Amino acid sequence: MPVTYEPIATNTLGSAASSVTFSSISGSYTDLVLVVNAKGTGFIGSGTYPYVRYNSDSNTNYSRTYLAGNGSTASSSRGSSENLQYLVGGTYIDGTFSYNSITQFMNYSNTTTYKTMLSRANNAGVQVDALVGLWRDTSAITSIVIYSSSGNFDTGSTFTLYGIKAA
């Protein structure tokens, strides 16, 4: 079986940071996969919710639908015309539990279609969820910035971006 996941870049934080950037992403792959393992620090309230922006776009071109469950209840939500793309719907990052997510960016380099993403996340102390997002722009994604909604991603948090090679 051919190896299809090719590591593009990994960022392991040596100090707390409010954002992580992957830039100069080439169009050499069919899809991208982002793997995040993080804790938060200095957050307000329950924790921080990670979100992304593509190509520095902060216009209202993003929409999402998410599903979540915590073992006893399920929930869902939808947002449209937002200026950011959440990676998760309700799973937050805090300083106690490790947050893990896997996000797939489909057809990221196609310049004739809008971009879709699918993210799955968990925080064992809170819940698990899945989110599908849409970026209403036909530009190829050449940069992805992951932001913390409040506080920072803590030292030691890792962010790895993989390219999916055509089989």
Protein backbone atom coordinates (compact mmCIF):
# COMPACT_ATOMS: atom_id res chain seq x y z
CA MET A 1 0.00 0.00 0.00
CA PRO A 2 1.43 3.43 -0.92
CA VAL A 3 2.11 6.00 1.78
CA THR A 4 -0.32 8.83 1.15
CA TYR A 5 0.15 11.09 4.20
CA GLU A 6 3.19 13.31 3.80
CA PRO A 7 4.17 15.57 6.72
CA ILE A 8 4.38 19.18 5.56
CA ALA A 9 5.20 20.90 8.87
CA THR A 10 4.95 20.42 12.63
CA ASN A 11 4.87 23.19 15.19
CA THR A 12 5.48 22.21 18.82
CA LEU A 13 5.10 25.28 20.99
CA GLY A 14 8.17 26.19 23.06
CA SER A 15 6.10 28.86 24.79
CA ALA A 16 2.41 29.69 24.99
CA ALA A 17 0.95 31.28 21.84
CA SER A 18 -2.42 32.62 20.72
CA SER A 19 -1.99 31.40 17.13
CA VAL A 20 -0.07 28.98 14.93
CA THR A 21 0.56 29.61 11.22
CA PHE A 22 1.13 27.27 8.31
CA SER A 23 2.05 29.32 5.24
CA SER A 24 3.33 28.82 1.70
CA ILE A 25 1.20 25.67 1.33
CA SER A 26 1.80 24.29 -2.14
CA GLY A 27 -0.80 22.69 -4.38
CA SER A 28 1.10 19.38 -4.52
CA TYR A 29 -1.59 17.35 -2.73
CA THR A 30 -5.24 16.47 -3.14
CA ASP A 31 -6.22 17.25 0.48
CA LEU A 32 -4.70 18.48 3.73
CA VAL A 33 -5.01 17.02 7.23
CA LEU A 34 -4.34 19.02 10.41
CA VAL A 35 -3.72 17.13 13.66
CA VAL A 36 -3.85 19.16 16.89
CA ASN A 37 -2.96 18.01 20.41
CA ALA A 38 -3.19 21.00 22.74
CA LYS A 39 -3.87 22.39 26.17
CA GLY A 40 -4.85 25.96 26.95
CA THR A 41 -3.61 28.58 29.38
CA GLY A 42 -4.81 32.02 30.42
CA PHE A 43 -8.28 31.48 28.99
CA ILE A 44 -11.49 33.22 29.98
CA GLY A 45 -14.41 31.13 31.28
CA SER A 46 -14.53 27.43 30.44
CA GLY A 47 -11.63 27.46 28.01
CA THR A 48 -10.73 28.38 24.48
CA TYR A 49 -12.23 27.29 21.18
CA PRO A 50 -9.76 26.90 18.32
CA TYR A 51 -10.65 28.38 14.96
CA VAL A 52 -8.92 28.90 11.62
CA ARG A 53 -8.76 31.44 8.85
CA TYR A 54 -7.55 30.71 5.34
CA ASN A 55 -5.33 33.11 3.40
CA SER A 56 -5.90 35.83 6.05
CA ASP A 57 -9.60 36.03 5.09
CA SER A 58 -11.56 37.63 7.93
CA ASN A 59 -14.66 38.38 5.81
CA THR A 60 -17.97 36.64 6.48
CA ASN A 61 -17.27 33.76 4.05
CA TYR A 62 -17.42 30.88 6.54
CA SER A 63 -20.28 28.61 7.63
CA ARG A 64 -20.53 25.49 9.78
CA THR A 65 -22.74 22.72 11.10
CA TYR A 66 -21.74 20.67 14.12
CA LEU A 67 -22.89 17.71 16.18
CA ALA A 68 -21.76 16.99 19.74
CA GLY A 69 -22.33 14.52 22.54
CA ASN A 70 -21.14 14.13 26.12
CA GLY A 71 -22.40 10.65 26.99
CA SER A 72 -25.82 11.75 28.19
CA THR A 73 -27.00 14.46 25.78
CA ALA A 74 -26.50 15.38 22.16
CA SER A 75 -26.59 18.80 20.56
CA SER A 76 -26.19 20.48 17.21
CA SER A 77 -25.79 23.97 15.85
CA ARG A 78 -25.35 25.88 12.62
CA GLY A 79 -23.63 29.15 11.85
CA SER A 80 -23.40 31.04 8.57
CA SER A 81 -21.78 34.24 7.32
CA GLU A 82 -19.13 34.03 10.04
CA ASN A 83 -15.69 35.65 9.85
CA LEU A 84 -13.85 32.53 11.04
CA GLN A 85 -14.04 28.74 10.81
CA TYR A 86 -14.24 26.90 14.12
CA LEU A 87 -12.38 23.60 14.27
CA VAL A 88 -14.94 22.33 16.77
CA GLY A 89 -18.44 23.11 17.90
CA GLY A 90 -18.38 22.76 21.65
CA THR A 91 -15.20 20.95 22.70
CA TYR A 92 -12.97 23.51 24.30
CA ILE A 93 -9.32 23.52 25.27
CA ASP A 94 -8.51 23.98 28.92
CA GLY A 95 -5.47 23.46 31.14
CA THR A 96 -6.65 20.15 32.57
CA PHE A 97 -7.48 17.86 29.67
CA SER A 98 -5.66 17.38 26.42
CA TYR A 99 -7.67 18.45 23.39
CA ASN A 100 -7.25 16.40 20.22
CA SER A 101 -8.62 17.08 16.76
CA ILE A 102 -8.20 15.84 13.21
CA THR A 103 -9.33 18.17 10.46
CA GLN A 104 -9.48 17.35 6.76
CA PHE A 105 -9.43 20.13 4.15
CA MET A 106 -10.78 18.70 0.91
CA ASN A 107 -9.71 19.94 -2.55
CA TYR A 108 -7.85 22.82 -0.91
CA SER A 109 -5.96 23.77 -4.10
CA ASN A 110 -8.93 23.60 -6.50
CA THR A 111 -9.63 27.10 -7.86
CA THR A 112 -13.12 26.41 -9.21
CA THR A 113 -14.94 25.28 -6.05
CA TYR A 114 -15.61 26.46 -2.51
CA LYS A 115 -13.54 24.69 0.16
CA THR A 116 -14.97 22.21 2.65
CA MET A 117 -13.51 20.82 5.83
CA LEU A 118 -14.45 18.10 8.29
CA SER A 119 -13.17 18.23 11.86
CA ARG A 120 -13.50 15.68 14.65
CA ALA A 121 -12.45 16.58 18.17
CA ASN A 122 -12.57 15.42 21.74
CA ASN A 123 -11.84 16.56 25.25
CA ALA A 124 -12.38 13.59 27.55
CA GLY A 125 -13.61 15.87 30.33
CA VAL A 126 -16.17 17.64 28.16
CA GLN A 127 -17.48 15.95 24.99
CA VAL A 128 -16.76 14.75 21.49
CA ASP A 129 -17.94 16.49 18.35
CA ALA A 130 -17.83 16.68 14.58
CA LEU A 131 -18.00 19.81 12.49
CA VAL A 132 -18.36 20.36 8.77
CA GLY A 133 -17.35 23.77 7.47
CA LEU A 134 -17.49 25.69 4.23
CA TRP A 135 -15.30 28.56 3.04
CA ARG A 136 -17.15 30.39 0.28
CA ASP A 137 -14.11 31.29 -1.79
CA THR A 138 -12.61 29.64 -4.86
CA SER A 139 -9.01 30.62 -4.07
CA ALA A 140 -6.54 27.85 -3.33
CA ILE A 141 -5.72 27.63 0.37
CA THR A 142 -2.08 28.73 0.71
CA SER A 143 -2.07 29.53 4.43
CA ILE A 144 -3.93 28.32 7.50
CA VAL A 145 -3.74 30.14 10.81
CA ILE A 146 -5.10 28.41 13.92
CA TYR A 147 -6.24 30.86 16.59
CA SER A 148 -7.26 30.57 20.22
CA SER A 149 -10.59 32.29 20.95
CA SER A 150 -9.27 33.39 24.37
CA GLY A 151 -6.01 32.82 26.18
CA ASN A 152 -3.28 30.77 24.55
CA PHE A 153 -2.31 27.34 23.39
CA ASP A 154 0.04 26.08 26.10
CA THR A 155 3.72 25.16 25.84
CA GLY A 156 4.14 21.68 24.36
CA SER A 157 0.97 21.83 22.23
CA THR A 158 1.57 20.29 18.81
CA PHE A 159 0.11 21.17 15.41
CA THR A 160 1.00 18.99 12.41
CA LEU A 161 -0.10 19.58 8.83
CA TYR A 162 -0.05 16.65 6.39
CA GLY A 163 -0.54 16.61 2.64
CA ILE A 164 -2.50 13.75 1.06
CA LYS A 165 -0.80 12.54 -2.09
CA ALA A 166 -2.85 11.23 -4.99
CA ALA A 167 -2.91 7.44 -4.94
